[in-house]
Amino acid sequence: MNIIDKNNRTLAIVTFYKDIVENREFVTDVSEEMQFAKFNLKKDYIVNKHYHQKQERTIYSTAETIVVLDGKIEVSLFEEISNNLVKKIVLESKDSIVMLHGGHSVEILEDAKFVEVKQGPYMENLDKEIF
């Protein structure tokens, strides 16, 4: 599920565990600074050994991904300039969200364990603005 702002910009992509039915699917546009894919692979499938070559990249913003391992959280998504609320989405165990643009907040609805991933280097005093 893509969350789009009024300017047709993708703020976030939500993946509910129950919806991971394809073999493999890359859900972000190839131009995004954070890439996200979902996989549903059968026993004995092999992802060929590989590495990712070094490339110089320019990153303008910090994208963030949350994977809920257990529990329930609510993520609120906000427009980038106005900070207006666009959508609230509830995520439960095994659901995930990649937040590409705009602002966000997270409320813990039930005790929750989750993993957060963002590209680095990350310096909170420079990268994060509270509004």
N, C-alpha and C. Protein backbone atom coordinates (compact mmCIF):
# COMPACT_ATOMS: atom_id res chain seq x y z
N MET A 1 0.85 -1.17 0.00
CA MET A 1 0.00 0.00 0.00
C MET A 1 0.90 1.24 0.00
N ASN A 2 0.74 2.08 -1.00
CA ASN A 2 1.49 3.33 -1.07
C ASN A 2 0.69 4.44 -0.41
N ILE A 3 1.36 5.25 0.40
CA ILE A 3 0.77 6.42 1.02
C ILE A 3 1.29 7.63 0.25
N ILE A 4 0.39 8.35 -0.40
CA ILE A 4 0.75 9.44 -1.30
C ILE A 4 0.26 10.77 -0.70
N ASP A 5 1.07 11.83 -0.83
CA ASP A 5 0.62 13.14 -0.37
C ASP A 5 -0.14 13.87 -1.47
N LYS A 6 -0.61 15.06 -1.19
CA LYS A 6 -1.43 15.81 -2.16
C LYS A 6 -0.64 16.23 -3.40
N ASN A 7 0.69 16.18 -3.33
CA ASN A 7 1.53 16.50 -4.48
C ASN A 7 1.95 15.25 -5.25
N ASN A 8 1.27 14.13 -4.95
CA ASN A 8 1.52 12.85 -5.63
C ASN A 8 2.92 12.28 -5.34
N ARG A 9 3.45 12.59 -4.19
CA ARG A 9 4.76 12.08 -3.76
C ARG A 9 4.54 10.92 -2.80
N THR A 10 5.27 9.85 -2.99
CA THR A 10 5.14 8.69 -2.11
C THR A 10 5.81 8.99 -0.78
N LEU A 11 4.99 9.07 0.28
CA LEU A 11 5.54 9.28 1.62
C LEU A 11 6.04 7.96 2.20
N ALA A 12 5.29 6.88 1.96
CA ALA A 12 5.64 5.59 2.56
C ALA A 12 5.02 4.46 1.76
N ILE A 13 5.60 3.28 1.96
CA ILE A 13 5.05 2.06 1.38
C ILE A 13 4.89 1.07 2.53
N VAL A 14 3.66 0.60 2.70
CA VAL A 14 3.33 -0.34 3.77
C VAL A 14 3.24 -1.74 3.18
N THR A 15 3.84 -2.70 3.87
CA THR A 15 3.73 -4.10 3.48
C THR A 15 3.15 -4.87 4.65
N PHE A 16 1.94 -5.38 4.45
CA PHE A 16 1.33 -6.24 5.46
C PHE A 16 1.80 -7.67 5.20
N TYR A 17 2.15 -8.36 6.25
CA TYR A 17 2.67 -9.73 6.14
C TYR A 17 1.77 -10.61 5.29
N LYS A 18 0.47 -10.50 5.49
CA LYS A 18 -0.49 -11.36 4.78
C LYS A 18 -0.49 -11.11 3.27
N ASP A 19 0.05 -9.96 2.84
CA ASP A 19 0.04 -9.61 1.42
C ASP A 19 1.32 -10.02 0.68
N ILE A 20 2.24 -10.66 1.36
CA ILE A 20 3.47 -11.09 0.70
C ILE A 20 3.20 -12.44 0.03
N VAL A 21 2.73 -12.38 -1.20
CA VAL A 21 2.31 -13.58 -1.91
C VAL A 21 3.13 -13.84 -3.17
N GLU A 22 3.77 -12.83 -3.71
CA GLU A 22 4.57 -12.98 -4.92
C GLU A 22 5.87 -13.72 -4.60
N ASN A 23 6.50 -14.23 -5.60
CA ASN A 23 7.81 -14.84 -5.47
C ASN A 23 8.80 -13.83 -4.89
N ARG A 24 9.01 -12.74 -5.59
CA ARG A 24 9.78 -11.62 -5.08
C ARG A 24 9.32 -10.37 -5.80
N GLU A 25 9.27 -9.29 -5.04
CA GLU A 25 8.75 -8.04 -5.60
C GLU A 25 9.47 -6.86 -4.97
N PHE A 26 10.06 -6.04 -5.81
CA PHE A 26 10.66 -4.79 -5.34
C PHE A 26 9.58 -3.73 -5.37
N VAL A 27 9.30 -3.13 -4.23
CA VAL A 27 8.15 -2.25 -4.12
C VAL A 27 8.49 -0.77 -4.26
N THR A 28 9.75 -0.40 -4.09
CA THR A 28 10.14 1.00 -4.28
C THR A 28 10.55 1.24 -5.72
N ASP A 29 10.39 2.48 -6.14
CA ASP A 29 10.88 2.88 -7.45
C ASP A 29 12.41 2.82 -7.44
N VAL A 30 13.01 2.44 -8.56
CA VAL A 30 14.47 2.28 -8.61
C VAL A 30 15.21 3.59 -8.33
N SER A 31 14.52 4.73 -8.44
CA SER A 31 15.18 6.03 -8.21
C SER A 31 15.20 6.42 -6.73
N GLU A 32 14.48 5.72 -5.88
CA GLU A 32 14.43 6.07 -4.45
C GLU A 32 15.77 5.79 -3.77
N GLU A 33 16.08 6.57 -2.75
CA GLU A 33 17.34 6.45 -2.03
C GLU A 33 17.38 5.24 -1.10
N MET A 34 16.22 4.67 -0.81
CA MET A 34 16.12 3.43 -0.03
C MET A 34 15.35 2.44 -0.89
N GLN A 35 15.87 1.25 -1.03
CA GLN A 35 15.21 0.21 -1.81
C GLN A 35 14.59 -0.80 -0.85
N PHE A 36 13.40 -1.28 -1.21
CA PHE A 36 12.67 -2.20 -0.34
C PHE A 36 12.02 -3.27 -1.21
N ALA A 37 12.16 -4.51 -0.78
CA ALA A 37 11.58 -5.63 -1.53
C ALA A 37 10.93 -6.59 -0.55
N LYS A 38 10.00 -7.40 -1.08
CA LYS A 38 9.39 -8.45 -0.26
C LYS A 38 9.54 -9.77 -1.01
N PHE A 39 9.77 -10.81 -0.24
CA PHE A 39 10.05 -12.13 -0.80
C PHE A 39 9.17 -13.18 -0.16
N ASN A 40 8.71 -14.12 -0.97
CA ASN A 40 8.01 -15.32 -0.51
C ASN A 40 8.61 -16.47 -1.32
N LEU A 41 9.65 -17.08 -0.80
CA LEU A 41 10.41 -18.07 -1.55
C LEU A 41 10.22 -19.47 -0.97
N LYS A 42 10.25 -20.45 -1.81
CA LYS A 42 10.06 -21.84 -1.40
C LYS A 42 11.38 -22.49 -1.00
N LYS A 43 11.26 -23.55 -0.21
CA LYS A 43 12.42 -24.32 0.24
C LYS A 43 13.30 -24.69 -0.95
N ASP A 44 14.59 -24.64 -0.73
CA ASP A 44 15.63 -24.98 -1.70
C ASP A 44 15.89 -23.89 -2.73
N TYR A 45 15.14 -22.77 -2.71
CA TYR A 45 15.45 -21.65 -3.59
C TYR A 45 16.81 -21.10 -3.15
N ILE A 46 17.61 -20.68 -4.07
CA ILE A 46 18.93 -20.13 -3.75
C ILE A 46 19.05 -18.73 -4.34
N VAL A 47 19.40 -17.80 -3.49
CA VAL A 47 19.78 -16.47 -3.97
C VAL A 47 21.27 -16.57 -4.27
N ASN A 48 21.62 -16.38 -5.52
CA ASN A 48 23.02 -16.56 -5.93
C ASN A 48 23.95 -15.68 -5.13
N LYS A 49 25.13 -16.22 -4.84
CA LYS A 49 26.12 -15.44 -4.10
C LYS A 49 26.47 -14.21 -4.92
N HIS A 50 26.56 -13.10 -4.23
CA HIS A 50 26.82 -11.84 -4.92
C HIS A 50 27.31 -10.81 -3.91
N TYR A 51 27.78 -9.71 -4.43
CA TYR A 51 28.10 -8.55 -3.61
C TYR A 51 27.63 -7.31 -4.37
N HIS A 52 27.58 -6.22 -3.67
CA HIS A 52 27.14 -4.97 -4.28
C HIS A 52 28.37 -4.09 -4.48
N GLN A 53 28.60 -3.71 -5.72
CA GLN A 53 29.78 -2.93 -6.06
C GLN A 53 29.70 -1.53 -5.45
N LYS A 54 30.86 -1.00 -5.12
CA LYS A 54 30.91 0.35 -4.58
C LYS A 54 30.50 1.33 -5.66
N GLN A 55 29.68 2.28 -5.26
CA GLN A 55 29.24 3.35 -6.14
C GLN A 55 29.18 4.63 -5.32
N GLU A 56 29.50 5.72 -5.94
CA GLU A 56 29.31 7.00 -5.28
C GLU A 56 27.86 7.41 -5.49
N ARG A 57 27.18 7.69 -4.39
CA ARG A 57 25.77 8.06 -4.45
C ARG A 57 25.57 9.36 -3.69
N THR A 58 24.60 10.13 -4.12
CA THR A 58 24.21 11.32 -3.40
C THR A 58 22.87 11.05 -2.74
N ILE A 59 22.84 11.23 -1.42
CA ILE A 59 21.61 10.99 -0.66
C ILE A 59 21.19 12.33 -0.06
N TYR A 60 19.94 12.73 -0.35
CA TYR A 60 19.45 14.03 0.09
C TYR A 60 18.62 13.96 1.36
N SER A 61 18.07 12.80 1.69
CA SER A 61 17.25 12.70 2.89
C SER A 61 17.43 11.31 3.50
N THR A 62 16.98 11.18 4.73
CA THR A 62 17.09 9.90 5.42
C THR A 62 15.76 9.17 5.31
N ALA A 63 15.77 8.03 4.64
CA ALA A 63 14.60 7.16 4.59
C ALA A 63 14.69 6.21 5.78
N GLU A 64 13.55 5.72 6.23
CA GLU A 64 13.53 4.86 7.41
C GLU A 64 12.56 3.70 7.19
N THR A 65 12.99 2.53 7.60
CA THR A 65 12.15 1.34 7.49
C THR A 65 11.94 0.76 8.88
N ILE A 66 10.70 0.36 9.16
CA ILE A 66 10.37 -0.32 10.42
C ILE A 66 9.77 -1.67 10.08
N VAL A 67 10.28 -2.72 10.72
CA VAL A 67 9.72 -4.06 10.61
C VAL A 67 9.26 -4.45 12.01
N VAL A 68 7.96 -4.67 12.17
CA VAL A 68 7.41 -5.03 13.48
C VAL A 68 7.61 -6.54 13.67
N LEU A 69 8.33 -6.90 14.71
CA LEU A 69 8.57 -8.31 15.02
C LEU A 69 7.44 -8.87 15.88
N ASP A 70 6.94 -8.05 16.79
CA ASP A 70 5.89 -8.49 17.70
C ASP A 70 5.19 -7.25 18.24
N GLY A 71 3.88 -7.33 18.45
CA GLY A 71 3.14 -6.23 19.04
C GLY A 71 2.38 -5.43 18.01
N LYS A 72 2.04 -4.19 18.40
CA LYS A 72 1.23 -3.33 17.53
C LYS A 72 1.67 -1.88 17.71
N ILE A 73 1.87 -1.18 16.58
CA ILE A 73 2.23 0.23 16.61
C ILE A 73 1.35 0.99 15.63
N GLU A 74 1.28 2.30 15.82
CA GLU A 74 0.58 3.17 14.87
C GLU A 74 1.59 4.19 14.36
N VAL A 75 1.72 4.28 13.04
CA VAL A 75 2.62 5.24 12.41
C VAL A 75 1.77 6.34 11.79
N SER A 76 2.07 7.58 12.14
CA SER A 76 1.42 8.74 11.55
C SER A 76 2.37 9.35 10.53
N LEU A 77 1.85 9.66 9.34
CA LEU A 77 2.66 10.20 8.25
C LEU A 77 2.22 11.62 7.93
N PHE A 78 3.19 12.51 7.75
CA PHE A 78 2.94 13.94 7.58
C PHE A 78 3.56 14.46 6.29
N GLU A 79 2.92 15.46 5.70
CA GLU A 79 3.47 16.11 4.52
C GLU A 79 4.80 16.78 4.87
N GLU A 80 5.65 16.89 3.87
CA GLU A 80 7.01 17.37 4.10
C GLU A 80 7.11 18.83 4.52
N ILE A 81 6.42 19.73 3.86
CA ILE A 81 6.58 21.15 4.15
C ILE A 81 5.56 21.64 5.17
N SER A 82 4.29 21.29 4.97
CA SER A 82 3.23 21.78 5.85
C SER A 82 3.14 21.03 7.18
N ASN A 83 3.70 19.82 7.22
CA ASN A 83 3.60 18.94 8.39
C ASN A 83 2.16 18.51 8.69
N ASN A 84 1.27 18.65 7.71
CA ASN A 84 -0.11 18.21 7.87
C ASN A 84 -0.18 16.68 7.88
N LEU A 85 -1.04 16.15 8.74
CA LEU A 85 -1.23 14.70 8.81
C LEU A 85 -1.85 14.20 7.51
N VAL A 86 -1.27 13.16 6.94
CA VAL A 86 -1.80 12.55 5.72
C VAL A 86 -2.54 11.26 6.05
N LYS A 87 -1.94 10.42 6.91
CA LYS A 87 -2.57 9.13 7.22
C LYS A 87 -1.96 8.54 8.48
N LYS A 88 -2.78 7.77 9.20
CA LYS A 88 -2.31 6.94 10.30
C LYS A 88 -2.50 5.50 9.87
N ILE A 89 -1.51 4.67 10.14
CA ILE A 89 -1.56 3.27 9.74
C ILE A 89 -1.14 2.40 10.92
N VAL A 90 -1.91 1.35 11.19
CA VAL A 90 -1.59 0.42 12.28
C VAL A 90 -0.83 -0.77 11.70
N LEU A 91 0.30 -1.07 12.33
CA LEU A 91 1.13 -2.20 11.93
C LEU A 91 1.19 -3.20 13.07
N GLU A 92 1.06 -4.47 12.73
CA GLU A 92 1.13 -5.54 13.72
C GLU A 92 2.30 -6.45 13.39
N SER A 93 2.46 -7.50 14.18
CA SER A 93 3.58 -8.43 14.01
C SER A 93 3.78 -8.81 12.55
N LYS A 94 5.01 -8.70 12.09
CA LYS A 94 5.47 -9.08 10.75
C LYS A 94 5.12 -8.07 9.66
N ASP A 95 4.44 -6.96 10.00
CA ASP A 95 4.17 -5.91 9.02
C ASP A 95 5.38 -4.97 8.95
N SER A 96 5.46 -4.20 7.87
CA SER A 96 6.58 -3.27 7.73
C SER A 96 6.16 -2.03 6.97
N ILE A 97 6.98 -1.00 7.12
CA ILE A 97 6.76 0.26 6.42
C ILE A 97 8.11 0.86 6.06
N VAL A 98 8.22 1.36 4.86
CA VAL A 98 9.40 2.13 4.47
C VAL A 98 8.92 3.57 4.26
N MET A 99 9.51 4.49 5.01
CA MET A 99 9.12 5.90 4.96
C MET A 99 10.16 6.65 4.14
N LEU A 100 9.74 7.16 3.01
CA LEU A 100 10.66 7.74 2.03
C LEU A 100 10.74 9.26 2.10
N HIS A 101 9.62 9.91 2.35
CA HIS A 101 9.57 11.37 2.35
C HIS A 101 8.60 11.83 3.43
N GLY A 102 8.66 13.09 3.79
CA GLY A 102 7.76 13.64 4.78
C GLY A 102 8.19 13.29 6.19
N GLY A 103 7.32 13.58 7.14
CA GLY A 103 7.60 13.32 8.55
C GLY A 103 6.78 12.15 9.06
N HIS A 104 7.11 11.70 10.26
CA HIS A 104 6.39 10.58 10.85
C HIS A 104 6.52 10.59 12.36
N SER A 105 5.60 9.90 12.99
CA SER A 105 5.69 9.62 14.42
C SER A 105 5.22 8.19 14.63
N VAL A 106 5.60 7.62 15.76
CA VAL A 106 5.24 6.24 16.07
C VAL A 106 4.65 6.20 17.47
N GLU A 107 3.49 5.58 17.60
CA GLU A 107 2.86 5.35 18.90
C GLU A 107 2.79 3.86 19.13
N ILE A 108 3.19 3.42 20.30
CA ILE A 108 3.16 2.01 20.66
C ILE A 108 1.78 1.69 21.22
N LEU A 109 1.00 0.88 20.48
CA LEU A 109 -0.37 0.54 20.88
C LEU A 109 -0.41 -0.68 21.80
N GLU A 110 0.52 -1.61 21.60
CA GLU A 110 0.73 -2.77 22.47
C GLU A 110 2.22 -2.93 22.60
N ASP A 111 2.67 -3.57 23.68
CA ASP A 111 4.10 -3.82 23.80
C ASP A 111 4.62 -4.29 22.45
N ALA A 112 5.73 -3.71 22.01
CA ALA A 112 6.19 -3.99 20.64
C ALA A 112 7.69 -4.15 20.57
N LYS A 113 8.10 -5.09 19.73
CA LYS A 113 9.49 -5.23 19.33
C LYS A 113 9.53 -4.96 17.84
N PHE A 114 10.44 -4.06 17.43
CA PHE A 114 10.57 -3.80 16.00
C PHE A 114 12.00 -3.44 15.67
N VAL A 115 12.31 -3.56 14.40
CA VAL A 115 13.63 -3.23 13.89
C VAL A 115 13.48 -1.98 13.04
N GLU A 116 14.41 -1.04 13.21
CA GLU A 116 14.42 0.19 12.41
C GLU A 116 15.70 0.21 11.59
N VAL A 117 15.56 0.54 10.31
CA VAL A 117 16.71 0.59 9.41
C VAL A 117 16.68 1.92 8.68
N LYS A 118 17.83 2.59 8.62
CA LYS A 118 17.97 3.79 7.79
C LYS A 118 19.38 3.85 7.26
N GLN A 119 19.55 4.53 6.14
CA GLN A 119 20.89 4.62 5.58
C GLN A 119 21.73 5.58 6.42
N GLY A 120 23.02 5.38 6.42
CA GLY A 120 23.91 6.20 7.21
C GLY A 120 24.98 6.84 6.34
N PRO A 121 25.89 7.54 6.94
CA PRO A 121 25.96 7.77 8.39
C PRO A 121 24.79 8.63 8.87
N TYR A 122 24.40 8.39 10.11
CA TYR A 122 23.27 9.08 10.70
C TYR A 122 23.74 9.87 11.91
N MET A 123 23.46 11.18 11.89
CA MET A 123 23.80 12.05 13.02
C MET A 123 22.51 12.73 13.46
N GLU A 124 21.96 12.26 14.57
CA GLU A 124 20.64 12.70 15.01
C GLU A 124 20.52 14.22 15.10
N ASN A 125 21.56 14.90 15.58
CA ASN A 125 21.47 16.35 15.74
C ASN A 125 21.38 17.08 14.40
N LEU A 126 21.81 16.46 13.30
CA LEU A 126 21.72 17.06 11.96
C LEU A 126 20.55 16.51 11.15
N ASP A 127 20.21 15.25 11.35
CA ASP A 127 19.24 14.56 10.50
C ASP A 127 17.80 14.66 10.99
N LYS A 128 17.60 14.92 12.28
CA LYS A 128 16.26 14.82 12.85
C LYS A 128 15.78 16.20 13.30
N GLU A 129 14.57 16.58 12.84
CA GLU A 129 13.96 17.83 13.26
C GLU A 129 12.59 17.53 13.86
N ILE A 130 12.41 17.90 15.11
CA ILE A 130 11.14 17.68 15.82
C ILE A 130 10.17 18.79 15.42
N PHE A 131 8.93 18.41 15.12
CA PHE A 131 7.92 19.44 14.80
C PHE A 131 6.62 19.15 15.53
